[in-house]
Amino acid sequence: MTDALKAEAIYDAMGTVLTRWTMGSAAAAAAPFWRAELGEDPAEAELRLLALSGQFLGIAVTAEPASTLRVLPDIPALALPTLPEALRPLARRMLAAKKQAQGKTELVDFLAARGWTTHPADWMPEAGDDDAPDVYAPWRDWAEIAASNNAARQQTNDHITVGNWDDFWPAARKVALAELRRRDPSAARAVLEAKLGNEGADTRLRLLSLLSERLSDDDIAFLEAIVANDRAPKVKALATSLLARLGRGQVIGEDAAELAGFFSVKTRGILRRARVIEAERPKTPAQWQRRKALLDGADLASFAGALGITPQELIAAWDWNVDPAADMALINLVVATGTDTQVADVAKAIGQHDATGLIVALAPRIAPTERARQAEAALNTHGIRFELAQTMAGPAARLNDPLSAPAGKALLAALRSDDAKPSDQVAELHALGLIASREGARRSLERLTAAGLLQGDPRLDMLRLNAALDDKGAKP
């Protein structure tokens, strides 16, 4: 038997050998070509067969490549530098420890806010990862190119136009369109008018949301056309909410009047009379559901009009912290249909009424610097935990002395307690590392190690990364 024929015979016999082993049977008899090597002892023969089979499959057998190999483009360079090599093992450990996508997103957002990106071997976004920072758009498009059978498009210009729309892959297209909207709102709208109708509903929804930046009366005609002609209810709903922000909301109809029936405008006080809007508590589950449905379908102006007041008066007179569901519904109304001034009024009101947790729902309409300021104020004034402060602030926070806040004092006390465990305060310490400035992270590490935590404690990973990382990001 020639070497080639012997190799073919061995390979053909491997299926039978593996089948017998899977069934718990001896397989030496299925490999007569190795009779001399296997020997006479049955137990020893099985062990030798295992060793010879592993060597054969690992060395003599190679997978045939596909008939046509596809060469992918290089992974593109990003606009921000890669995390320093010395800090990559720490970042990898943190990414591996975060089982949920939200935890990884927080770290990636933090690095982007500080002016850094991950190494592609440590983390890369998927094509549909809309939560990834804009700086990763080239990688998202590369992932889509790798997963598709289409050739890479040749993007020759970062500035998007009607003419070069098809040169952009989806993630880069959205980033370029957002930049154009910030720079030239009319030009961005003109591009959308020409191209939006050719996209799928989900893509139309994502791109239309870009109009919230520098929204103006010039956008009314385009939005009204979408409300009248678009096929997708969710796209129509977004266009309707944008129109409401411009004072082109729904007229006061039966639904708004019915919604007003769940609330009452009253006056309180003896010397200083003040108007207060109270929620009438629904009596049955059906009434709760109806109120929710009416609030979900209303806009701020029509709701206020049905009560006989202006939106600003509605916000000023709202009775916070009595009906949490109604509070959240009002916040959602303001986010979807309120003007920028009304958003600022609500943010101020919830800060004054110790309802700071609601600021998280306002986040899509609040500038990053204002979110960070609100979070710092809530830490110092209302004693919220670092976890909530981090959710409120997002990646823009840079607190120089967070442990001086009530949450910091509570954290130190908990870590010093006699019954403290090595697994305690994991989330709180991680959030502390996300909201501290570089100097604040260094100070916090000193105080935490003085409180008894070890330098190598994995709970301090986020603080260590923060303290070691040059802050190259835009300062709030």
Protein backbone atom coordinates (compact mmCIF):
# COMPACT_ATOMS: atom_id res chain seq x y z
CA MET A 1 0.00 0.00 0.00
CA THR A 2 1.41 3.37 -1.01
CA ASP A 3 1.65 6.23 1.47
CA ALA A 4 -1.17 8.09 -0.29
CA LEU A 5 -3.48 5.07 -0.25
CA LYS A 6 -2.60 4.36 3.38
CA ALA A 7 -3.46 7.93 4.39
CA GLU A 8 -6.82 7.66 2.62
CA ALA A 9 -7.55 4.36 4.37
CA ILE A 10 -6.65 5.78 7.77
CA TYR A 11 -8.85 8.84 7.19
CA ASP A 12 -11.79 6.67 6.06
CA ALA A 13 -11.44 4.52 9.18
CA MET A 14 -11.49 7.49 11.56
CA GLY A 15 -15.27 7.77 11.32
CA THR A 16 -15.72 4.17 12.45
CA VAL A 17 -13.15 4.59 15.24
CA LEU A 18 -14.84 7.71 16.61
CA THR A 19 -18.28 6.09 16.36
CA ARG A 20 -17.16 3.07 18.38
CA TRP A 21 -15.59 5.24 21.05
CA THR A 22 -18.74 7.34 21.25
CA MET A 23 -20.74 4.17 21.91
CA GLY A 24 -18.26 2.98 24.54
CA SER A 25 -16.83 0.14 22.45
CA ALA A 26 -13.24 -0.83 21.64
CA ALA A 27 -12.05 0.51 18.26
CA ALA A 28 -8.65 -1.15 17.71
CA ALA A 29 -10.18 -3.70 15.35
CA ALA A 30 -11.28 -0.87 13.02
CA ALA A 31 -7.63 0.16 12.45
CA PRO A 32 -5.92 -2.95 10.99
CA PHE A 33 -3.27 -0.78 9.29
CA TRP A 34 -1.82 -0.04 12.77
CA ARG A 35 -2.02 -3.61 14.06
CA ALA A 36 1.71 -3.83 14.69
CA GLU A 37 1.84 -0.44 16.42
CA LEU A 38 -1.17 -1.15 18.64
CA GLY A 39 0.18 -4.41 20.08
CA GLU A 40 -1.69 -7.30 21.70
CA ASP A 41 -2.86 -5.77 25.00
CA PRO A 42 -6.49 -4.54 24.42
CA ALA A 43 -6.36 -1.67 26.94
CA GLU A 44 -2.95 -0.50 25.75
CA ALA A 45 -4.12 -0.77 22.13
CA GLU A 46 -6.95 1.71 22.74
CA LEU A 47 -4.57 4.24 24.31
CA ARG A 48 -2.10 3.87 21.43
CA LEU A 49 -4.94 4.22 18.91
CA LEU A 50 -6.03 7.44 20.62
CA ALA A 51 -2.51 8.86 20.40
CA LEU A 52 -1.97 7.82 16.77
CA SER A 53 -5.41 9.11 15.70
CA GLY A 54 -4.76 12.50 17.31
CA GLN A 55 -1.38 12.80 15.60
CA PHE A 56 -2.83 11.79 12.24
CA LEU A 57 -5.78 14.21 12.38
CA GLY A 58 -3.60 17.06 13.67
CA ILE A 59 -0.78 16.69 11.15
CA ALA A 60 -1.89 14.83 8.06
CA VAL A 61 -5.40 16.26 7.71
CA THR A 62 -5.94 19.90 6.69
CA ALA A 63 -9.18 21.62 5.73
CA GLU A 64 -9.48 22.53 2.09
CA PRO A 65 -10.00 26.25 1.50
CA ALA A 66 -13.09 27.42 -0.33
CA SER A 67 -12.83 27.44 -4.08
CA THR A 68 -12.73 31.24 -4.01
CA LEU A 69 -11.07 33.10 -1.17
CA ARG A 70 -12.42 36.54 -0.23
CA VAL A 71 -9.86 39.12 0.79
CA LEU A 72 -11.30 41.57 3.30
CA PRO A 73 -10.08 45.15 3.53
CA ASP A 74 -7.81 46.03 6.43
CA ILE A 75 -9.49 47.00 9.67
CA PRO A 76 -9.63 50.79 9.34
CA ALA A 77 -7.78 53.12 11.68
CA LEU A 78 -9.98 55.18 13.98
CA ALA A 79 -9.88 58.89 14.63
CA LEU A 80 -8.78 58.40 18.26
CA PRO A 81 -5.63 56.55 19.41
CA THR A 82 -5.65 53.01 20.72
CA LEU A 83 -5.43 52.42 24.46
CA PRO A 84 -1.74 52.29 25.55
CA GLU A 85 -0.28 48.79 25.42
CA ALA A 86 0.46 48.75 29.15
CA LEU A 87 -3.23 49.30 29.96
CA ARG A 88 -4.66 46.77 27.53
CA PRO A 89 -4.50 43.77 29.93
CA LEU A 90 -6.47 45.73 32.53
CA ALA A 91 -9.08 46.77 29.95
CA ARG A 92 -9.32 43.18 28.66
CA ARG A 93 -9.91 41.89 32.17
CA MET A 94 -12.68 44.41 32.72
CA LEU A 95 -14.33 43.64 29.38
CA ALA A 96 -14.20 39.90 30.12
CA ALA A 97 -15.75 40.47 33.56
CA LYS A 98 -18.71 42.35 32.09
CA LYS A 99 -21.20 39.68 31.09
CA GLN A 100 -23.88 42.16 30.08
CA ALA A 101 -23.50 44.37 27.01
CA GLN A 102 -24.36 47.45 29.11
CA GLY A 103 -21.22 47.01 31.23
CA LYS A 104 -19.00 46.84 28.17
CA THR A 105 -20.73 49.85 26.64
CA GLU A 106 -20.03 51.93 29.76
CA LEU A 107 -16.30 51.17 29.55
CA VAL A 108 -16.13 51.82 25.80
CA ASP A 109 -18.03 55.11 26.24
CA PHE A 110 -15.68 56.10 29.07
CA LEU A 111 -12.59 55.47 26.94
CA ALA A 112 -14.02 57.43 23.99
CA ALA A 113 -14.91 60.35 26.27
CA ARG A 114 -11.33 60.38 27.54
CA GLY A 115 -9.97 60.31 23.98
CA TRP A 116 -9.11 56.61 23.52
CA THR A 117 -10.37 53.51 21.72
CA THR A 118 -9.97 49.81 22.35
CA HIS A 119 -7.59 47.57 20.43
CA PRO A 120 -9.53 45.52 17.83
CA ALA A 121 -8.18 42.31 19.35
CA ASP A 122 -9.73 43.28 22.70
CA TRP A 123 -13.15 44.52 21.58
CA MET A 124 -14.89 45.40 18.35
CA PRO A 125 -18.51 46.48 17.86
CA GLU A 126 -20.89 44.46 15.75
CA ALA A 127 -22.44 45.96 12.65
CA GLY A 128 -25.74 46.64 14.39
CA ASP A 129 -24.23 48.01 17.60
CA ASP A 130 -25.98 51.38 17.53
CA ASP A 131 -24.90 52.15 21.10
CA ALA A 132 -21.20 52.20 20.19
CA PRO A 133 -19.61 55.68 20.15
CA ASP A 134 -19.51 57.34 16.73
CA VAL A 135 -15.73 56.96 16.57
CA TYR A 136 -16.27 53.20 16.01
CA ALA A 137 -18.44 53.69 12.90
CA PRO A 138 -15.63 52.50 10.54
CA TRP A 139 -15.32 49.26 12.53
CA ARG A 140 -19.08 48.70 12.51
CA ASP A 141 -19.08 49.08 8.75
CA TRP A 142 -16.06 46.77 8.46
CA ALA A 143 -17.99 44.15 10.44
CA GLU A 144 -20.91 44.50 8.03
CA ILE A 145 -18.57 44.19 5.05
CA ALA A 146 -17.06 41.03 6.56
CA ALA A 147 -20.49 39.49 7.13
CA SER A 148 -21.84 40.36 3.68
CA ASN A 149 -20.99 39.26 0.16
CA ASN A 150 -20.80 42.79 -1.14
CA ALA A 151 -17.65 44.52 -2.19
CA ALA A 152 -16.38 47.34 -0.01
CA ARG A 153 -17.53 50.74 -1.18
CA GLN A 154 -14.95 53.34 -1.99
CA GLN A 155 -15.65 56.28 0.30
CA THR A 156 -13.61 59.17 -1.07
CA ASN A 157 -14.97 62.00 1.07
CA ASP A 158 -16.06 62.41 4.69
CA HIS A 159 -18.70 64.96 3.64
CA ILE A 160 -21.92 63.26 2.60
CA THR A 161 -24.03 64.51 -0.31
CA VAL A 162 -26.87 63.17 -2.41
CA GLY A 163 -24.32 62.18 -5.03
CA ASN A 164 -22.02 60.12 -2.79
CA TRP A 165 -24.70 58.66 -0.46
CA ASP A 166 -24.14 55.12 -1.75
CA ASP A 167 -20.39 55.37 -1.11
CA PHE A 168 -21.04 55.26 2.64
CA TRP A 169 -21.79 52.14 4.63
CA PRO A 170 -24.64 52.60 7.16
CA ALA A 171 -22.71 53.50 10.33
CA ALA A 172 -20.38 55.95 8.60
CA ARG A 173 -23.34 57.42 6.72
CA LYS A 174 -25.18 58.21 9.94
CA VAL A 175 -22.09 59.81 11.51
CA ALA A 176 -21.44 61.89 8.39
CA LEU A 177 -25.07 62.97 8.24
CA ALA A 178 -25.03 63.96 11.93
CA GLU A 179 -21.94 66.05 11.36
CA LEU A 180 -23.56 67.72 8.33
CA ARG A 181 -26.66 68.46 10.41
CA ARG A 182 -24.56 70.20 13.05
CA ARG A 183 -22.69 72.18 10.41
CA ASP A 184 -25.41 72.89 7.85
CA PRO A 185 -28.94 71.86 8.92
CA SER A 186 -30.54 72.73 5.58
CA ALA A 187 -28.04 70.68 3.59
CA ALA A 188 -28.58 67.66 5.84
CA ARG A 189 -32.34 67.94 5.45
CA ALA A 190 -31.98 68.18 1.68
CA VAL A 191 -29.96 64.94 1.65
CA LEU A 192 -32.61 63.22 3.77
CA GLU A 193 -35.41 64.48 1.53
CA ALA A 194 -33.71 62.92 -1.47
CA LYS A 195 -32.61 59.61 0.08
CA LEU A 196 -34.66 58.72 3.16
CA GLY A 197 -37.53 57.12 1.25
CA ASN A 198 -35.23 54.46 -0.23
CA GLU A 199 -34.22 53.07 3.19
CA GLY A 200 -35.91 50.49 5.41
CA ALA A 201 -38.15 51.55 8.29
CA ASP A 202 -35.53 51.02 11.03
CA THR A 203 -32.95 52.99 9.07
CA ARG A 204 -35.43 55.77 8.34
CA LEU A 205 -36.18 55.99 12.06
CA ARG A 206 -32.49 56.26 13.01
CA LEU A 207 -31.70 58.86 10.36
CA LEU A 208 -34.81 60.95 10.97
CA SER A 209 -33.86 61.22 14.65
CA LEU A 210 -30.84 63.28 13.54
CA LEU A 211 -33.20 66.18 12.82
CA SER A 212 -33.56 66.74 16.57
CA GLU A 213 -30.18 68.47 16.34
CA ARG A 214 -30.76 72.14 15.44
CA LEU A 215 -34.46 71.51 14.84
CA SER A 216 -36.17 74.58 13.38
CA ASP A 217 -39.25 75.78 11.53
CA ASP A 218 -37.43 75.11 8.26
CA ASP A 219 -37.96 71.38 8.94
CA ILE A 220 -41.76 71.61 9.25
CA ALA A 221 -42.67 70.95 5.63
CA PHE A 222 -40.40 67.87 5.44
CA LEU A 223 -41.76 66.47 8.72
CA GLU A 224 -45.36 67.07 7.68
CA ALA A 225 -44.68 65.17 4.45
CA ILE A 226 -43.34 62.22 6.44
CA VAL A 227 -46.40 62.21 8.70
CA ALA A 228 -48.63 62.20 5.63
CA ASN A 229 -46.75 59.74 3.44
CA ASP A 230 -44.41 57.43 5.38
CA ARG A 231 -45.46 53.80 5.58
CA ALA A 232 -44.09 53.00 9.06
CA PRO A 233 -46.11 54.02 12.15
CA LYS A 234 -42.96 54.47 14.26
CA VAL A 235 -41.45 56.85 11.70
CA LYS A 236 -44.71 58.81 11.56
CA ALA A 237 -44.73 58.97 15.38
CA LEU A 238 -41.19 60.37 15.49
CA ALA A 239 -42.01 63.01 12.88
CA THR A 240 -45.14 63.92 14.86
CA SER A 241 -43.14 64.36 18.07
CA LEU A 242 -40.59 66.55 16.28
CA LEU A 243 -43.42 68.70 14.94
CA ALA A 244 -44.79 69.00 18.47
CA ARG A 245 -41.44 70.40 19.63
CA LEU A 246 -41.92 73.10 17.01
CA GLY A 247 -45.40 73.99 18.27
CA ARG A 248 -47.16 72.00 15.54
CA GLY A 249 -48.64 69.37 17.82
CA GLN A 250 -52.07 67.84 17.82
CA VAL A 251 -55.13 70.00 18.35
CA ILE A 252 -56.97 69.49 21.61
CA GLY A 253 -59.31 66.63 20.86
CA GLU A 254 -61.38 64.06 22.69
CA ASP A 255 -58.36 62.07 23.85
CA ALA A 256 -56.68 65.14 25.36
CA ALA A 257 -59.91 66.10 27.09
CA GLU A 258 -60.27 62.57 28.45
CA LEU A 259 -56.66 62.63 29.66
CA ALA A 260 -57.27 65.92 31.48
CA GLY A 261 -60.04 64.17 33.40
CA PHE A 262 -57.40 62.07 35.18
CA PHE A 263 -55.85 65.25 36.62
CA SER A 264 -57.11 68.31 38.45
CA VAL A 265 -55.77 71.87 38.78
CA LYS A 266 -56.02 73.05 42.39
CA THR A 267 -54.65 75.85 44.52
CA ARG A 268 -52.77 75.46 47.77
CA GLY A 269 -51.55 77.80 50.47
CA ILE A 270 -53.14 80.56 52.50
CA LEU A 271 -50.78 83.52 52.26
CA ARG A 272 -49.10 82.44 49.03
CA ARG A 273 -51.57 80.79 46.73
CA ALA A 274 -49.97 78.33 44.34
CA ARG A 275 -51.48 76.28 41.57
CA VAL A 276 -50.89 72.52 41.79
CA ILE A 277 -51.72 69.75 39.33
CA GLU A 278 -52.77 66.60 41.14
CA ALA A 279 -53.18 63.18 39.58
CA GLU A 280 -56.55 61.60 40.36
CA ARG A 281 -55.82 58.04 41.37
CA PRO A 282 -57.46 55.55 38.94
CA LYS A 283 -59.79 53.12 40.67
CA THR A 284 -59.51 50.08 38.40
CA PRO A 285 -56.77 48.39 36.34
CA ALA A 286 -58.68 49.37 33.21
CA GLN A 287 -58.48 53.04 34.19
CA TRP A 288 -54.74 52.74 34.85
CA GLN A 289 -54.26 51.25 31.40
CA ARG A 290 -56.41 53.91 29.78
CA ARG A 291 -54.52 56.73 31.44
CA LYS A 292 -51.23 55.20 30.32
CA ALA A 293 -52.47 54.83 26.74
CA LEU A 294 -53.68 58.44 26.67
CA LEU A 295 -50.39 59.75 28.05
CA ASP A 296 -48.41 57.67 25.54
CA GLY A 297 -50.40 59.17 22.66
CA ALA A 298 -50.50 62.79 23.83
CA ASP A 299 -48.14 65.70 23.38
CA LEU A 300 -47.19 68.26 26.00
CA ALA A 301 -48.99 71.22 24.42
CA SER A 302 -52.33 69.44 23.92
CA PHE A 303 -52.21 67.99 27.46
CA ALA A 304 -51.55 71.42 28.96
CA GLY A 305 -54.19 73.02 26.74
CA ALA A 306 -56.80 70.52 27.86
CA LEU A 307 -56.06 71.56 31.45
CA GLY A 308 -56.44 75.22 30.49
CA ILE A 309 -52.81 76.15 31.10
CA THR A 310 -49.57 76.52 29.15
CA PRO A 311 -46.85 73.82 29.05
CA GLN A 312 -44.59 76.01 31.23
CA GLU A 313 -47.38 76.37 33.80
CA LEU A 314 -47.98 72.62 33.69
CA ILE A 315 -44.33 71.91 34.52
CA ALA A 316 -44.21 74.53 37.27
CA ALA A 317 -47.42 73.29 38.93
CA TRP A 318 -46.74 69.54 38.69
CA ASP A 319 -46.94 67.70 42.04
CA TRP A 320 -43.79 65.54 41.96
CA ASN A 321 -43.11 62.32 43.90
CA VAL A 322 -46.80 61.56 44.52
CA ASP A 323 -47.58 59.39 41.48
CA PRO A 324 -44.31 57.95 40.06
CA ALA A 325 -46.03 56.59 36.95
CA ALA A 326 -47.49 60.01 36.15
CA ASP A 327 -44.10 61.64 36.82
CA MET A 328 -42.38 59.34 34.33
CA ALA A 329 -45.16 59.84 31.79
CA LEU A 330 -44.74 63.62 31.98
CA ILE A 331 -40.98 63.26 31.54
CA ASN A 332 -41.54 61.09 28.47
CA LEU A 333 -43.95 63.69 27.08
CA VAL A 334 -41.38 66.44 27.53
CA VAL A 335 -38.59 64.34 25.97
CA ALA A 336 -40.70 63.46 22.95
CA THR A 337 -42.62 66.69 22.35
CA GLY A 338 -41.24 69.49 24.55
CA THR A 339 -39.07 72.39 23.46
CA ASP A 340 -35.50 72.78 24.70
CA THR A 341 -36.69 75.42 27.17
CA GLN A 342 -39.33 73.05 28.55
CA VAL A 343 -36.71 70.31 28.93
CA ALA A 344 -34.55 72.71 30.94
CA ASP A 345 -37.56 73.68 33.08
CA VAL A 346 -38.32 70.04 33.90
CA ALA A 347 -34.67 69.31 34.72
CA LYS A 348 -34.66 72.23 37.15
CA ALA A 349 -37.97 71.18 38.70
CA ILE A 350 -36.98 67.58 39.40
CA GLY A 351 -33.73 68.76 40.93
CA GLN A 352 -35.63 71.06 43.29
CA HIS A 353 -38.15 68.37 44.27
CA ASP A 354 -35.65 65.59 45.02
CA ALA A 355 -36.78 63.56 42.01
CA THR A 356 -33.28 63.38 40.56
CA GLY A 357 -33.62 59.78 39.35
CA LEU A 358 -35.92 61.07 36.62
CA ILE A 359 -33.03 62.97 35.05
CA VAL A 360 -31.97 59.66 33.47
CA ALA A 361 -35.11 59.67 31.34
CA LEU A 362 -34.34 63.24 30.26
CA ALA A 363 -30.82 62.31 29.17
CA PRO A 364 -31.56 62.13 25.41
CA ARG A 365 -32.47 65.83 25.46
CA ILE A 366 -29.83 67.16 27.89
CA ALA A 367 -26.31 68.21 26.90
CA PRO A 368 -23.55 65.99 28.36
CA THR A 369 -22.11 68.83 30.44
CA GLU A 370 -25.51 69.57 31.98
CA ARG A 371 -26.03 65.88 32.78
CA ALA A 372 -22.69 65.81 34.58
CA ARG A 373 -23.55 68.97 36.49
CA GLN A 374 -26.94 67.59 37.55
CA ALA A 375 -25.33 64.35 38.72
CA GLU A 376 -22.71 66.15 40.79
CA ALA A 377 -25.37 68.37 42.37
CA ALA A 378 -27.51 65.34 43.19
CA LEU A 379 -24.53 63.56 44.77
CA ASN A 380 -23.81 66.47 47.07
CA THR A 381 -27.36 67.65 47.76
CA HIS A 382 -29.55 64.56 47.70
CA GLY A 383 -27.06 61.87 48.73
CA ILE A 384 -27.66 59.55 45.76
CA ARG A 385 -25.37 56.56 45.20
CA PHE A 386 -22.50 56.55 42.71
CA GLU A 387 -24.37 54.04 40.51
CA LEU A 388 -27.27 56.43 39.99
CA ALA A 389 -24.91 59.38 39.57
CA GLN A 390 -23.04 57.54 36.84
CA THR A 391 -26.26 56.66 35.03
CA MET A 392 -27.35 60.29 35.24
CA ALA A 393 -24.01 61.76 34.17
CA GLY A 394 -23.00 59.43 31.36
CA PRO A 395 -19.36 59.46 30.27
CA ALA A 396 -18.87 63.22 30.61
CA ALA A 397 -18.47 63.29 34.41
CA ARG A 398 -15.09 64.20 35.89
CA LEU A 399 -15.46 64.64 39.66
CA ASN A 400 -12.29 65.70 41.45
CA ASP A 401 -13.24 64.54 44.95
CA PRO A 402 -16.21 62.15 44.74
CA LEU A 403 -15.49 60.42 48.06
CA SER A 404 -16.26 63.67 49.89
CA ALA A 405 -19.93 63.32 48.84
CA PRO A 406 -22.37 61.48 51.15
CA ALA A 407 -22.19 58.43 48.86
CA GLY A 408 -18.40 58.36 49.31
CA LYS A 409 -18.64 58.51 53.08
CA ALA A 410 -21.22 55.72 53.06
CA LEU A 411 -19.00 53.64 50.80
CA LEU A 412 -15.94 54.03 53.04
CA ALA A 413 -18.01 53.16 56.10
CA ALA A 414 -19.36 50.01 54.43
CA LEU A 415 -15.89 48.89 53.39
CA ARG A 416 -14.53 49.42 56.92
CA SER A 417 -17.34 47.53 58.64
CA ASP A 418 -16.52 44.31 60.48
CA ASP A 419 -18.80 42.18 58.30
CA ALA A 420 -17.53 43.56 54.95
CA LYS A 421 -16.95 40.88 52.29
CA PRO A 422 -14.54 40.89 49.32
CA SER A 423 -17.54 40.87 46.97
CA ASP A 424 -19.24 43.92 48.52
CA GLN A 425 -19.70 47.25 46.71
CA VAL A 426 -18.52 45.98 43.31
CA ALA A 427 -20.97 48.06 41.28
CA GLU A 428 -20.53 51.14 43.46
CA LEU A 429 -16.73 51.09 43.13
CA HIS A 430 -16.98 50.57 39.37
CA ALA A 431 -19.35 53.54 39.05
CA LEU A 432 -16.97 55.63 41.16
CA GLY A 433 -14.20 54.86 38.68
CA LEU A 434 -16.38 55.97 35.78
CA ILE A 435 -17.37 59.38 37.18
CA ALA A 436 -14.09 60.47 38.76
CA SER A 437 -11.55 62.67 37.01
CA ARG A 438 -8.04 61.30 36.67
CA GLU A 439 -6.95 63.22 39.77
CA GLY A 440 -10.17 62.20 41.53
CA ALA A 441 -9.43 58.54 40.73
CA ARG A 442 -5.93 58.85 42.21
CA ARG A 443 -7.25 60.44 45.39
CA SER A 444 -9.95 57.81 45.69
CA LEU A 445 -7.43 54.97 45.31
CA GLU A 446 -5.32 56.43 48.12
CA ARG A 447 -8.30 56.68 50.48
CA LEU A 448 -9.68 53.26 49.57
CA THR A 449 -6.36 51.48 50.10
CA ALA A 450 -6.01 53.35 53.39
CA ALA A 451 -9.45 51.95 54.28
CA GLY A 452 -8.10 48.42 53.88
CA LEU A 453 -8.58 47.48 50.23
CA LEU A 454 -5.62 45.82 48.53
CA GLN A 455 -3.91 47.52 45.61
CA GLY A 456 -4.67 44.49 43.43
CA ASP A 457 -8.33 44.21 44.42
CA PRO A 458 -10.26 43.71 41.13
CA ARG A 459 -13.00 45.98 42.47
CA LEU A 460 -10.56 48.85 41.95
CA ASP A 461 -9.87 48.04 38.28
CA MET A 462 -11.94 50.95 36.91
CA LEU A 463 -10.29 53.42 39.27
CA ARG A 464 -6.83 52.10 38.36
CA LEU A 465 -7.54 52.43 34.63
CA ASN A 466 -8.88 55.96 35.13
CA ALA A 467 -5.90 57.03 37.25
CA ALA A 468 -3.38 55.68 34.72
CA LEU A 469 -5.05 57.08 31.60
CA ASP A 470 -4.17 60.45 30.10
CA ASP A 471 -7.36 62.44 29.64
CA LYS A 472 -7.37 63.52 25.99
CA GLY A 473 -11.12 64.03 25.75
CA ALA A 474 -13.17 67.21 25.52
CA LYS A 475 -13.60 68.66 29.01
CA PRO A 476 -17.15 69.34 30.20
